[in-house]
N, C-alpha and C. Protein backbone atom coordinates (compact mmCIF):
# COMPACT_ATOMS: atom_id res chain seq x y z
N MET A 1 -22.22 -2.82 12.72
CA MET A 1 -22.94 -3.65 13.09
C MET A 1 -24.58 -3.04 11.87
N LYS A 2 -24.90 -2.04 11.87
CA LYS A 2 -25.72 -1.62 10.96
C LYS A 2 -25.77 -1.62 9.81
N CYS A 3 -24.61 -1.50 9.01
CA CYS A 3 -23.93 -1.11 7.57
C CYS A 3 -24.00 -2.99 7.16
N ARG A 4 -23.34 -3.73 8.54
CA ARG A 4 -23.55 -4.61 7.62
C ARG A 4 -24.56 -5.52 7.83
N THR A 5 -26.18 -5.67 8.46
CA THR A 5 -27.25 -5.78 8.32
C THR A 5 -28.18 -5.02 7.60
N GLY A 6 -27.47 -3.70 6.98
CA GLY A 6 -28.07 -3.22 6.01
C GLY A 6 -29.42 -2.18 6.66
N THR A 7 -29.25 -1.83 7.66
CA THR A 7 -30.04 -1.31 8.73
C THR A 7 -29.33 0.23 8.58
N LEU A 8 -28.55 0.89 8.33
CA LEU A 8 -27.62 1.89 8.83
C LEU A 8 -28.69 3.30 7.43
N TYR A 9 -29.29 3.81 8.33
CA TYR A 9 -30.48 4.97 7.56
C TYR A 9 -29.54 5.57 6.66
N ASN A 10 -30.23 5.64 5.14
CA ASN A 10 -29.73 6.46 4.51
C ASN A 10 -30.80 6.53 3.20
N GLN A 11 -30.86 7.66 2.55
CA GLN A 11 -31.13 8.32 1.26
C GLN A 11 -32.22 7.01 0.79
N LYS A 12 -31.16 5.97 0.57
CA LYS A 12 -32.16 4.94 0.13
C LYS A 12 -33.22 4.61 0.56
N HIS A 13 -33.43 4.39 1.92
CA HIS A 13 -34.01 3.74 3.19
C HIS A 13 -35.38 5.17 2.84
N ALA A 14 -34.79 5.91 2.67
CA ALA A 14 -35.92 7.02 3.01
C ALA A 14 -36.95 6.81 1.96
N VAL A 15 -36.31 6.69 0.56
CA VAL A 15 -37.11 6.65 -0.44
C VAL A 15 -38.14 5.45 -0.64
N SER A 16 -37.08 4.28 -0.11
CA SER A 16 -38.35 3.25 0.21
C SER A 16 -39.54 3.56 0.99
N PHE A 17 -39.30 4.19 2.29
CA PHE A 17 -40.50 4.47 3.10
C PHE A 17 -41.27 5.78 2.65
N LYS A 18 -41.36 6.16 1.27
CA LYS A 18 -42.01 7.10 1.17
C LYS A 18 -41.74 8.57 1.99
N LEU A 19 -40.53 8.51 2.11
CA LEU A 19 -40.32 9.82 2.94
C LEU A 19 -39.41 10.61 2.10
N SER A 20 -38.96 10.22 0.71
CA SER A 20 -38.53 11.25 0.29
C SER A 20 -38.30 10.97 -0.78
N THR A 21 -37.96 11.57 -2.21
CA THR A 21 -38.03 11.44 -3.49
C THR A 21 -36.61 11.43 -4.14
N SER A 22 -35.92 11.65 -3.26
CA SER A 22 -34.58 11.52 -3.39
C SER A 22 -33.42 10.60 -2.96
N GLN A 23 -32.46 10.18 -3.76
CA GLN A 23 -31.47 9.03 -3.44
C GLN A 23 -30.11 9.88 -3.38
N THR A 24 -30.14 11.24 -2.88
CA THR A 24 -29.11 12.18 -3.47
C THR A 24 -28.68 11.86 -1.91
N CYS A 25 -26.75 12.57 -1.57
CA CYS A 25 -26.58 12.47 -0.29
C CYS A 25 -27.20 13.83 -0.15
N PRO A 26 -27.69 14.27 1.13
CA PRO A 26 -27.83 15.33 1.58
C PRO A 26 -26.59 16.52 1.80
N LEU A 27 -25.17 15.80 1.74
CA LEU A 27 -24.34 16.64 2.21
C LEU A 27 -23.52 17.41 0.54
N CYS A 28 -24.00 16.09 -0.46
CA CYS A 28 -22.98 15.78 -1.29
C CYS A 28 -23.56 15.73 -2.50
N PRO A 29 -23.44 15.64 -3.91
CA PRO A 29 -24.33 15.78 -5.19
C PRO A 29 -24.15 14.03 -5.68
N GLN A 30 -23.84 13.35 -4.65
CA GLN A 30 -23.55 11.59 -5.11
C GLN A 30 -24.94 10.84 -4.25
N VAL A 31 -24.78 9.88 -5.35
CA VAL A 31 -26.04 8.91 -4.47
C VAL A 31 -25.69 8.33 -3.22
N ASP A 32 -26.92 8.17 -2.09
CA ASP A 32 -26.63 8.01 -0.71
C ASP A 32 -26.66 6.59 -0.64
N SER A 33 -25.89 6.37 0.13
CA SER A 33 -25.92 4.83 1.01
C SER A 33 -25.07 4.06 2.01
N ALA A 34 -25.72 3.17 2.32
CA ALA A 34 -24.54 2.41 3.97
C ALA A 34 -23.10 2.85 3.38
N LEU A 35 -22.17 2.78 2.25
CA LEU A 35 -20.63 2.74 2.05
C LEU A 35 -20.24 4.29 1.66
N HIS A 36 -21.46 4.88 1.13
CA HIS A 36 -21.29 6.35 0.85
C HIS A 36 -21.22 7.19 2.10
N ILE A 37 -22.03 6.74 3.18
CA ILE A 37 -21.36 7.29 4.77
C ILE A 37 -20.48 6.95 5.04
N LEU A 38 -20.23 5.80 5.06
CA LEU A 38 -18.66 5.13 5.73
C LEU A 38 -17.68 5.69 5.18
N SER A 39 -17.99 5.72 3.82
CA SER A 39 -16.26 6.29 2.79
C SER A 39 -16.42 6.80 1.95
N GLY A 40 -17.18 7.50 1.42
CA GLY A 40 -17.52 8.04 0.01
C GLY A 40 -18.13 9.66 -0.14
N CYS A 41 -18.85 9.74 0.92
CA CYS A 41 -19.32 11.03 1.45
C CYS A 41 -18.08 11.99 0.88
N GLN A 42 -18.63 13.63 0.29
CA GLN A 42 -17.14 14.28 -0.21
C GLN A 42 -17.48 15.53 0.15
N HIS A 43 -18.35 15.44 1.14
CA HIS A 43 -18.57 16.57 1.82
C HIS A 43 -17.02 17.07 2.90
N THR A 44 -16.68 18.31 3.11
CA THR A 44 -15.21 18.42 3.00
C THR A 44 -15.14 17.79 4.56
N GLN A 45 -15.70 18.53 5.74
CA GLN A 45 -15.48 17.82 7.20
C GLN A 45 -15.68 16.35 7.40
N ILE A 46 -17.03 15.42 6.46
CA ILE A 46 -16.86 14.06 6.09
C ILE A 46 -15.56 13.69 5.46
N ARG A 47 -15.02 14.07 4.02
CA ARG A 47 -13.86 13.68 3.97
C ARG A 47 -12.95 13.45 4.81
N ASN A 48 -12.71 15.25 5.56
CA ASN A 48 -11.61 14.69 6.39
C ASN A 48 -11.71 13.80 7.05
N MET A 49 -12.81 13.76 7.71
CA MET A 49 -13.02 12.70 8.84
C MET A 49 -12.69 11.11 8.29
N ILE A 50 -13.03 10.78 6.91
CA ILE A 50 -12.54 9.78 6.60
C ILE A 50 -11.20 9.28 6.40
N THR A 51 -10.65 10.62 6.11
CA THR A 51 -9.68 10.45 5.74
C THR A 51 -8.38 10.12 7.28
N GLU A 52 -8.73 10.56 8.05
CA GLU A 52 -7.90 10.45 9.35
C GLU A 52 -8.42 9.30 9.80
N ARG A 53 -9.43 9.08 9.52
CA ARG A 53 -9.96 7.55 10.10
C ARG A 53 -8.69 6.12 9.25
N HIS A 54 -8.86 6.71 7.92
CA HIS A 54 -7.82 5.40 7.31
C HIS A 54 -6.65 5.83 7.88
N ASN A 55 -5.49 7.16 7.99
CA ASN A 55 -4.69 7.48 8.47
C ASN A 55 -4.58 6.50 9.69
N ILE A 56 -5.55 6.57 10.82
CA ILE A 56 -5.35 6.38 11.94
C ILE A 56 -4.92 4.86 12.05
N ALA A 57 -5.83 3.75 10.98
CA ALA A 57 -5.40 2.40 10.61
C ALA A 57 -4.27 2.08 10.36
N CYS A 58 -4.22 3.30 9.06
CA CYS A 58 -2.56 2.72 8.70
C CYS A 58 -1.45 3.42 9.77
N ARG A 59 -1.52 3.96 10.88
CA ARG A 59 -0.48 4.12 12.02
C ARG A 59 -0.21 2.69 12.85
N MET A 60 -1.61 2.59 13.05
CA MET A 60 -1.90 0.78 13.85
C MET A 60 -1.04 0.28 12.96
N ILE A 61 -1.43 0.08 11.70
CA ILE A 61 -0.39 -1.27 10.81
C ILE A 61 1.04 -0.71 11.14
N PHE A 62 1.40 0.42 11.07
CA PHE A 62 2.70 1.15 11.11
C PHE A 62 3.38 0.66 11.95
N LYS A 63 2.62 1.02 13.14
CA LYS A 63 3.24 0.33 14.51
C LYS A 63 3.38 -0.92 14.82
N ALA A 64 2.48 -1.46 14.34
CA ALA A 64 2.85 -3.12 13.92
C ALA A 64 4.04 -3.68 13.31
N ILE A 65 4.11 -3.35 12.10
CA ILE A 65 5.33 -3.31 11.27
C ILE A 65 6.30 -3.61 12.19
N LYS A 66 6.49 -2.03 12.77
CA LYS A 66 7.92 -1.68 13.03
C LYS A 66 7.91 -2.81 14.86
N LYS A 67 6.97 -3.20 15.01
CA LYS A 67 7.16 -4.43 16.19
C LYS A 67 8.27 -5.47 15.72
N THR A 68 8.01 -5.59 14.15
CA THR A 68 8.60 -6.90 13.90
C THR A 68 9.80 -7.04 13.42
N GLY A 69 10.53 -5.71 14.31
CA GLY A 69 12.33 -6.01 13.93
C GLY A 69 13.13 -5.38 12.84
N SER A 70 13.29 -6.24 11.94
CA SER A 70 13.70 -5.89 10.83
C SER A 70 13.17 -5.38 9.65
N LEU A 71 11.66 -5.86 9.79
CA LEU A 71 10.79 -5.31 8.46
C LEU A 71 10.74 -3.60 9.30
N GLY A 72 10.86 -2.94 10.33
CA GLY A 72 10.65 -1.95 10.25
C GLY A 72 11.92 -1.01 9.26
N SER A 73 12.61 -1.52 9.39
CA SER A 73 13.96 -0.35 8.96
C SER A 73 13.99 -0.81 7.34
N CYS A 74 13.07 -1.71 7.07
CA CYS A 74 12.32 -1.88 5.72
C CYS A 74 11.65 -0.99 4.87
N ILE A 75 11.15 0.20 5.94
CA ILE A 75 10.02 1.06 5.39
C ILE A 75 10.96 2.20 4.64
N VAL A 76 10.42 2.37 3.28
CA VAL A 76 11.45 3.56 2.82
C VAL A 76 10.68 4.47 2.37
N SER A 77 9.20 4.80 3.27
CA SER A 77 8.02 5.36 2.21
C SER A 77 6.88 5.16 3.05
N LYS A 78 6.45 6.29 3.35
CA LYS A 78 4.96 6.55 4.15
C LYS A 78 4.41 7.28 3.68
N ASN A 79 3.14 6.76 3.61
CA ASN A 79 1.94 8.32 3.88
C ASN A 79 0.41 7.65 4.27
N ILE A 80 0.60 8.47 5.80
CA ILE A 80 -0.09 7.87 6.27
C ILE A 80 -0.25 9.09 7.07
N GLY A 81 -0.42 10.01 6.67
CA GLY A 81 -0.87 11.48 7.65
C GLY A 81 0.28 12.38 7.79
N SER A 82 0.29 13.24 8.44
CA SER A 82 1.65 14.30 9.07
C SER A 82 2.45 13.78 10.42
N ASN A 83 3.55 14.05 10.01
CA ASN A 83 4.55 13.65 11.37
C ASN A 83 3.85 13.80 12.52
N GLY A 84 3.18 15.14 12.56
CA GLY A 84 2.70 15.84 13.87
C GLY A 84 1.76 15.16 14.14
N TRP A 85 1.07 14.23 13.87
CA TRP A 85 0.24 12.76 13.97
C TRP A 85 1.15 12.03 14.68
N MET A 86 1.60 11.36 13.84
CA MET A 86 2.89 9.92 14.30
C MET A 86 2.98 10.76 15.37
N THR A 87 3.63 11.61 15.65
CA THR A 87 4.41 11.97 16.87
C THR A 87 3.33 12.55 18.14
N MET A 88 2.07 12.44 17.94
CA MET A 88 1.25 12.66 19.00
C MET A 88 0.97 11.04 19.94
N GLN A 89 0.87 10.25 18.70
CA GLN A 89 0.73 8.65 18.97
C GLN A 89 2.08 7.81 19.11
N TYR A 90 3.04 9.17 19.64
CA TYR A 90 4.16 8.45 20.56
C TYR A 90 4.75 7.35 19.28
N LEU A 91 4.70 7.76 17.79
CA LEU A 91 5.31 6.75 16.79
C LEU A 91 6.60 7.08 16.14
N GLN A 92 7.73 6.56 16.14
CA GLN A 92 9.24 6.99 15.65
C GLN A 92 9.15 6.93 14.63
N ILE A 93 9.87 7.80 13.61
CA ILE A 93 9.53 7.64 12.08
C ILE A 93 11.26 7.19 11.98
N PRO A 94 11.16 6.02 11.06
CA PRO A 94 12.56 5.99 10.77
C PRO A 94 13.33 6.39 9.94
N GLU A 95 14.77 6.30 9.89
CA GLU A 95 15.36 7.64 9.19
C GLU A 95 15.09 6.74 7.29
N THR A 96 14.93 5.31 7.36
CA THR A 96 15.09 5.41 6.12
C THR A 96 13.09 5.87 5.17
N ALA A 97 12.31 5.98 6.07
CA ALA A 97 10.77 6.93 5.69
C ALA A 97 10.31 7.65 6.30
N GLU A 98 11.12 9.25 6.04
CA GLU A 98 11.00 10.15 6.39
C GLU A 98 10.51 10.93 5.19
N SER A 99 10.61 10.41 3.94
CA SER A 99 9.96 11.26 2.73
C SER A 99 8.42 10.09 3.04
N ARG A 100 7.40 10.56 2.35
CA ARG A 100 6.04 10.31 1.62
C ARG A 100 5.96 10.31 0.20
N ILE A 101 6.93 10.35 -0.39
CA ILE A 101 7.06 9.55 -1.96
C ILE A 101 7.54 8.70 -2.28
N VAL A 102 7.83 8.00 -2.95
CA VAL A 102 8.57 6.99 -3.37
C VAL A 102 10.38 7.58 -3.50
N PRO A 103 11.07 6.57 -2.93
CA PRO A 103 12.22 7.50 -3.33
C PRO A 103 12.20 7.40 -4.51
N ARG A 104 13.61 8.20 -4.91
CA ARG A 104 14.42 8.62 -6.35
C ARG A 104 14.57 7.66 -6.75
N TRP A 105 15.42 6.67 -5.75
CA TRP A 105 16.10 5.66 -5.69
C TRP A 105 15.69 3.93 -6.59
N LEU A 106 14.64 4.57 -6.14
CA LEU A 106 13.90 3.13 -6.78
C LEU A 106 13.02 2.87 -8.41
N PHE A 107 13.47 4.34 -8.68
CA PHE A 107 12.87 4.40 -10.16
C PHE A 107 13.54 4.32 -11.30
N PRO A 108 13.87 4.35 -12.53
CA PRO A 108 14.92 3.90 -13.57
C PRO A 108 15.40 5.19 -13.29
N PRO A 109 16.94 5.24 -13.56
CA PRO A 109 17.64 5.94 -14.24
C PRO A 109 17.41 7.63 -14.63
N ARG A 110 16.74 7.27 -16.10
CA ARG A 110 16.45 8.24 -16.68
C ARG A 110 14.71 8.93 -16.22
N PHE A 111 14.30 8.27 -15.35
CA PHE A 111 13.14 8.56 -14.86
C PHE A 111 12.90 10.45 -14.33
N PRO A 112 11.87 10.80 -14.92
CA PRO A 112 11.87 12.49 -14.78
C PRO A 112 11.71 12.84 -13.57
N ASP A 113 12.61 14.18 -12.81
CA ASP A 113 12.22 13.87 -11.59
C ASP A 113 11.35 14.55 -11.08
N LYS A 114 10.70 15.37 -12.15
CA LYS A 114 9.49 15.75 -12.09
C LYS A 114 8.06 15.26 -11.71
N ASP A 115 8.30 13.73 -12.34
CA ASP A 115 7.46 12.88 -12.24
C ASP A 115 7.23 12.47 -11.14
N LEU A 116 8.50 12.41 -9.90
CA LEU A 116 8.26 11.48 -8.91
C LEU A 116 7.05 12.15 -8.09
N PHE A 117 6.67 13.30 -8.07
CA PHE A 117 5.83 14.24 -7.48
C PHE A 117 4.32 13.75 -7.54
N THR A 118 4.29 13.63 -9.08
CA THR A 118 3.03 13.02 -9.52
C THR A 118 2.66 11.56 -9.43
N SER A 119 3.59 10.81 -9.30
CA SER A 119 3.67 9.25 -9.53
C SER A 119 2.77 9.28 -8.49
N SER A 120 1.85 7.73 -8.34
CA SER A 120 0.97 7.50 -7.06
C SER A 120 1.64 6.83 -5.30
N ARG A 121 1.37 7.31 -4.73
CA ARG A 121 1.59 7.65 -3.30
C ARG A 121 1.24 5.98 -2.41
N PRO A 122 1.79 5.18 -2.30
CA PRO A 122 0.75 3.86 -1.67
C PRO A 122 1.32 4.41 -0.25
N ASN A 123 0.62 3.78 0.65
CA ASN A 123 0.57 4.44 2.41
C ASN A 123 2.19 3.34 2.90
N PHE A 124 2.39 2.94 2.06
CA PHE A 124 4.08 1.87 2.81
C PHE A 124 4.61 1.77 1.41
N VAL A 125 5.74 1.70 1.28
CA VAL A 125 6.75 1.18 0.46
C VAL A 125 8.00 0.40 1.23
N LEU A 126 7.87 -0.90 1.42
CA LEU A 126 8.94 -1.44 1.87
C LEU A 126 10.05 -2.18 0.95
N VAL A 127 10.90 -2.16 1.25
CA VAL A 127 12.33 -2.91 0.23
C VAL A 127 12.87 -4.29 1.13
N THR A 128 12.91 -5.30 0.61
CA THR A 128 13.36 -6.18 1.51
C THR A 128 13.93 -6.78 0.63
N PRO A 129 15.28 -7.43 1.25
CA PRO A 129 16.51 -8.25 0.65
C PRO A 129 16.33 -9.52 0.03
N ILE A 130 16.51 -9.66 -1.08
CA ILE A 130 16.17 -11.59 -1.19
C ILE A 130 17.38 -12.08 -0.31
N ALA A 131 16.89 -12.88 0.63
CA ALA A 131 17.72 -13.79 1.64
C ALA A 131 18.47 -15.13 0.91
N ALA A 132 19.60 -14.55 2.00
CA ALA A 132 20.91 -15.71 1.17
C ALA A 132 20.49 -17.32 1.17
N ASN A 133 19.15 -17.45 2.16
CA ASN A 133 19.04 -19.43 1.59
C ASN A 133 17.59 -19.51 1.40
N THR A 134 17.67 -18.21 0.35
CA THR A 134 16.51 -18.58 -0.55
C THR A 134 16.79 -19.22 -1.79
N GLN A 135 16.51 -20.37 -1.89
CA GLN A 135 16.56 -20.87 -3.19
C GLN A 135 16.29 -20.74 -4.51
N LYS A 136 16.59 -20.76 -5.63
CA LYS A 136 15.75 -20.50 -6.61
C LYS A 136 15.90 -21.42 -7.97
N GLN A 137 15.21 -21.91 -8.34
CA GLN A 137 14.56 -22.79 -9.26
C GLN A 137 14.18 -22.36 -10.73
N GLN A 138 14.79 -22.58 -11.48
CA GLN A 138 14.58 -22.68 -12.98
C GLN A 138 13.15 -23.54 -13.42
N THR A 139 12.32 -22.99 -13.91
CA THR A 139 11.42 -23.67 -14.01
C THR A 139 11.37 -23.96 -15.86
N ASN A 140 10.22 -24.80 -16.15
CA ASN A 140 10.93 -24.96 -17.78
C ASN A 140 9.84 -23.25 -18.28
N VAL A 141 9.44 -22.81 -17.89
CA VAL A 141 9.80 -21.24 -18.83
C VAL A 141 10.40 -20.30 -18.39
N GLY A 142 10.91 -20.20 -19.45
CA GLY A 142 12.20 -19.48 -19.77
C GLY A 142 12.24 -17.61 -19.07
N GLY A 143 13.05 -17.39 -18.95
CA GLY A 143 12.52 -16.26 -17.77
C GLY A 143 12.15 -15.77 -16.62
N TRP A 144 11.76 -16.98 -16.59
CA TRP A 144 10.64 -17.11 -14.74
C TRP A 144 11.25 -18.16 -13.60
N VAL A 145 11.63 -18.10 -12.26
CA VAL A 145 11.86 -18.52 -11.77
C VAL A 145 11.02 -18.27 -10.55
N LEU A 146 10.84 -19.66 -10.03
CA LEU A 146 9.88 -19.87 -8.57
C LEU A 146 10.91 -19.90 -7.03
N ARG A 147 10.61 -18.96 -6.60
CA ARG A 147 11.34 -18.71 -4.76
C ARG A 147 10.41 -19.37 -3.80
N SER A 148 10.96 -20.39 -3.50
CA SER A 148 10.90 -21.50 -2.75
C SER A 148 10.24 -21.13 -1.12
N GLY A 149 9.21 -21.10 -0.75
CA GLY A 149 8.56 -21.21 0.64
C GLY A 149 7.82 -19.24 0.17
N ARG A 150 7.03 -18.79 -0.83
CA ARG A 150 6.92 -17.90 -1.37
C ARG A 150 5.90 -17.97 -2.48
N GLY A 151 6.45 -19.28 -3.05
CA GLY A 151 5.26 -19.45 -4.21
C GLY A 151 4.56 -18.29 -5.26
N GLN A 152 5.48 -17.73 -5.27
CA GLN A 152 5.72 -16.30 -6.18
C GLN A 152 6.36 -16.88 -7.25
N LEU A 153 6.29 -16.04 -8.61
CA LEU A 153 6.75 -16.21 -9.85
C LEU A 153 7.29 -15.08 -10.54
N ARG A 154 8.59 -15.17 -10.47
CA ARG A 154 9.16 -14.04 -10.62
C ARG A 154 10.20 -13.51 -12.03
N GLU A 155 9.71 -12.59 -13.29
CA GLU A 155 10.67 -12.73 -14.15
C GLU A 155 12.18 -12.23 -14.35
N THR A 156 12.61 -12.94 -14.98
CA THR A 156 14.01 -12.58 -14.26
C THR A 156 14.91 -11.99 -15.83
N GLY A 157 14.21 -11.86 -17.04
CA GLY A 157 14.88 -11.40 -18.27
C GLY A 157 16.10 -12.41 -18.40
N SER A 158 17.43 -13.24 -17.59
CA SER A 158 17.69 -13.97 -18.08
C SER A 158 18.19 -15.09 -17.13
N THR A 159 18.57 -16.54 -17.98
CA THR A 159 18.90 -17.56 -16.97
C THR A 159 20.24 -17.41 -16.23
N SER A 160 20.87 -16.68 -16.25
CA SER A 160 21.91 -16.79 -15.35
C SER A 160 22.80 -17.34 -14.14
N ALA A 161 23.19 -18.24 -13.73
CA ALA A 161 23.67 -18.08 -12.18
C ALA A 161 23.32 -16.95 -11.61
N ALA A 162 22.87 -17.56 -10.18
CA ALA A 162 22.69 -16.68 -9.24
C ALA A 162 24.10 -16.17 -8.59
N PRO A 163 24.17 -14.85 -8.48
CA PRO A 163 25.48 -14.64 -7.26
C PRO A 163 26.22 -15.17 -6.29
N PRO A 164 26.91 -15.43 -5.72
CA PRO A 164 27.56 -15.95 -4.50
C PRO A 164 26.58 -15.59 -3.70
N ALA A 165 26.32 -16.38 -2.78
CA ALA A 165 25.73 -16.09 -1.44
C ALA A 165 26.22 -14.60 -0.91
N THR A 166 27.77 -14.98 -0.74
CA THR A 166 28.64 -14.07 0.37
C THR A 166 28.33 -12.38 -0.37
N SER A 167 27.24 -12.34 -1.44
CA SER A 167 27.07 -10.95 -2.57
C SER A 167 25.73 -10.29 -2.10
N ARG A 168 24.88 -11.36 -1.25
CA ARG A 168 24.28 -11.27 -0.68
C ARG A 168 23.50 -10.48 0.90
N ALA A 169 23.20 -9.59 1.09
CA ALA A 169 22.60 -9.55 2.87
C ALA A 169 21.32 -10.33 3.22
N THR A 170 21.51 -10.96 4.27
CA THR A 170 20.82 -11.23 4.79
C THR A 170 19.82 -10.76 6.06
N SER A 171 20.27 -9.37 6.06
CA SER A 171 19.53 -8.94 7.26
C SER A 171 19.39 -7.33 6.93
N PRO A 172 18.20 -6.74 6.62
CA PRO A 172 18.28 -5.24 6.65
C PRO A 172 19.46 -4.59 6.97
N ARG A 173 20.02 -4.71 8.99
CA ARG A 173 20.63 -4.00 9.12
C ARG A 173 21.78 -4.08 8.43
N GLN A 174 22.28 -5.26 7.76
CA GLN A 174 23.33 -5.39 7.52
C GLN A 174 24.46 -4.59 5.91
N HIS A 175 23.26 -3.63 5.61
CA HIS A 175 23.26 -2.64 4.12
C HIS A 175 22.56 -1.91 4.08
N ARG A 176 23.24 -1.17 2.97
CA ARG A 176 21.82 0.15 2.76
C ARG A 176 21.08 -0.49 1.75
N LEU A 177 19.55 -0.39 1.74
CA LEU A 177 18.66 -1.05 0.48
C LEU A 177 18.65 0.01 -0.27
N LYS A 178 19.57 0.96 -0.30
CA LYS A 178 19.69 1.52 -1.66
C LYS A 178 20.73 0.88 -2.51
N ASP A 179 21.50 0.25 -1.72
CA ASP A 179 22.31 -0.47 -2.58
C ASP A 179 22.50 -1.28 -2.91
N LEU A 180 21.54 -2.34 -2.81
CA LEU A 180 20.88 -3.67 -2.98
C LEU A 180 20.68 -3.43 -4.97
N SER A 181 21.38 -4.84 -5.56
CA SER A 181 21.35 -4.78 -6.67
C SER A 181 19.44 -4.92 -7.17
N LYS A 182 19.01 -4.47 -8.26
CA LYS A 182 17.39 -4.28 -8.30
C LYS A 182 17.01 -5.74 -8.42
N SER A 183 17.98 -6.57 -9.00
CA SER A 183 17.04 -8.28 -8.90
C SER A 183 17.61 -8.73 -7.61
N TRP A 184 18.13 -8.21 -6.78
CA TRP A 184 18.39 -9.13 -5.49
C TRP A 184 17.14 -8.24 -4.28
N ARG A 185 16.47 -7.54 -4.81
CA ARG A 185 15.88 -6.50 -3.94
C ARG A 185 14.02 -6.81 -3.99
N ASP A 186 13.25 -6.95 -3.50
CA ASP A 186 11.84 -7.03 -3.34
C ASP A 186 10.98 -5.92 -3.03
N ILE A 187 10.24 -5.10 -3.83
CA ILE A 187 9.59 -3.86 -3.68
C ILE A 187 7.97 -4.16 -3.36
N HIS A 188 7.42 -4.01 -2.09
CA HIS A 188 5.99 -4.01 -1.77
C HIS A 188 5.46 -2.90 -1.61
N LEU A 189 4.40 -3.05 -2.19
CA LEU A 189 3.52 -1.01 -2.07
C LEU A 189 2.45 -1.86 -1.33
N VAL A 190 2.26 -1.36 -0.23
CA VAL A 190 0.99 -1.33 0.67
C VAL A 190 -0.01 -0.14 0.60
N GLU A 191 -1.14 -0.42 0.53
CA GLU A 191 -2.38 0.60 -0.06
C GLU A 191 -3.20 -0.36 0.97
N ILE A 192 -3.78 0.71 1.78
CA ILE A 192 -5.19 0.51 2.92
C ILE A 192 -6.22 0.89 2.50
N LYS A 193 -7.17 0.23 2.68
CA LYS A 193 -8.41 0.45 2.00
C LYS A 193 -9.24 0.15 3.42
N TYR A 194 -10.23 0.86 3.29
CA TYR A 194 -11.44 0.26 4.09
C TYR A 194 -12.38 -0.51 3.15
N CYS A 195 -13.36 -1.21 3.28
CA CYS A 195 -14.25 -2.22 2.36
C CYS A 195 -15.35 -3.16 3.37
N GLU A 196 -16.49 -3.40 2.37
CA GLU A 196 -17.26 -4.72 2.76
C GLU A 196 -16.69 -5.72 2.67
N ASP A 197 -16.59 -6.26 3.92
CA ASP A 197 -15.94 -7.68 4.44
C ASP A 197 -16.28 -8.28 3.28
N THR A 198 -17.86 -8.81 3.09
CA THR A 198 -18.38 -9.76 1.91
C THR A 198 -18.26 -9.37 0.66
N ARG A 199 -17.44 -8.01 0.61
CA ARG A 199 -16.98 -7.69 -0.67
C ARG A 199 -15.77 -6.79 -1.10
N PRO A 200 -14.82 -7.15 -0.53
CA PRO A 200 -13.59 -6.42 -1.03
C PRO A 200 -12.88 -6.41 -2.08
N GLN A 201 -13.50 -7.09 -3.32
CA GLN A 201 -13.12 -7.01 -4.63
C GLN A 201 -13.28 -5.98 -5.13
N ASN A 202 -13.93 -4.94 -5.01
CA ASN A 202 -14.21 -3.60 -5.74
C ASN A 202 -12.78 -3.14 -5.19
N GLN A 203 -12.68 -2.86 -3.65
CA GLN A 203 -11.63 -1.46 -3.22
C GLN A 203 -10.52 -2.81 -3.95
N LEU A 204 -10.06 -4.08 -3.86
CA LEU A 204 -9.01 -4.66 -4.18
C LEU A 204 -8.72 -4.16 -5.69
N ASN A 205 -9.61 -4.27 -6.72
CA ASN A 205 -9.19 -3.80 -7.90
C ASN A 205 -9.00 -2.47 -7.95
N ALA A 206 -9.24 -1.18 -6.65
CA ALA A 206 -9.21 -0.08 -6.94
C ALA A 206 -8.01 0.49 -6.75
N ALA A 207 -7.50 -0.32 -5.70
CA ALA A 207 -5.72 -0.30 -4.92
C ALA A 207 -5.10 -0.75 -6.58
N LYS A 208 -4.87 -1.82 -7.04
CA LYS A 208 -4.47 -2.44 -8.07
C LYS A 208 -4.52 -1.08 -8.78
N GLU A 209 -5.83 -0.55 -9.42
CA GLU A 209 -5.94 0.47 -10.75
C GLU A 209 -5.12 1.56 -10.42
N GLN A 210 -5.23 2.24 -8.78
CA GLN A 210 -4.18 3.24 -8.32
C GLN A 210 -3.11 2.79 -8.71
N HIS A 211 -2.52 2.01 -8.60
CA HIS A 211 -0.77 1.77 -8.31
C HIS A 211 -0.26 1.12 -9.39
N LYS A 212 -1.16 0.68 -10.42
CA LYS A 212 -0.56 -0.11 -11.48
C LYS A 212 0.02 0.43 -12.73
N ASP A 213 0.80 2.35 -12.67
CA ASP A 213 1.18 2.71 -13.54
C ASP A 213 2.37 2.52 -12.78
N LEU A 214 2.90 2.87 -11.51
CA LEU A 214 3.59 2.65 -10.22
C LEU A 214 4.84 1.40 -10.13
N CYS A 215 3.79 0.36 -10.53
CA CYS A 215 3.92 -0.98 -10.64
C CYS A 215 4.81 -1.46 -11.70
N ASN A 216 4.33 -0.70 -12.89
CA ASN A 216 4.98 -0.81 -14.25
C ASN A 216 6.44 -0.12 -14.49
N ILE A 217 6.42 0.65 -13.73
CA ILE A 217 7.57 2.01 -13.60
C ILE A 217 8.47 0.87 -12.81
N LEU A 218 8.08 0.95 -11.60
CA LEU A 218 9.42 -0.21 -11.03
C LEU A 218 9.83 -1.28 -10.80
């Protein structure tokens, strides 16, 4: 509440009240502010506390996704803290999501193995099949289709007809996710960030920039 009302005391206040001549954080060399205190301080202990708070929020969201049933089995990687912490919170790790890095099978065949460990790691990666009852309509723009019910444009690269419905799985339990054809799966990168509720755009842009290269590769 103090953060939202601008009354969380920091070095900027101290300078305004003539109690200090420096706006620098007393724990790290960055400029102090309410947002800095809550999520930006680089002091080792504070940084660890901020990271664990983030991971706790991620694990709560992970638990909520698992409760949705089919979506729980669509998680193919998770980067939300150690498995030990998940066990302490009685969270069962799906067999499909034991790794903290994006699975090899999502990358192009010739993608270097050494780069797997240096690519960005979203908090979650989900792979969902395109449902059999999802109709595709060809737009006037060549190479783009609109999936009804989702309001999303998807680049196809061709205008060939969709394969028969019998070739598409309708439930994650009816197939192995990595056996899905690239053109018949959706990849969802989930990155969770704390932000000011009145100014979320900065963190949204930061998340997009963080995973821009990974999006282009996948």
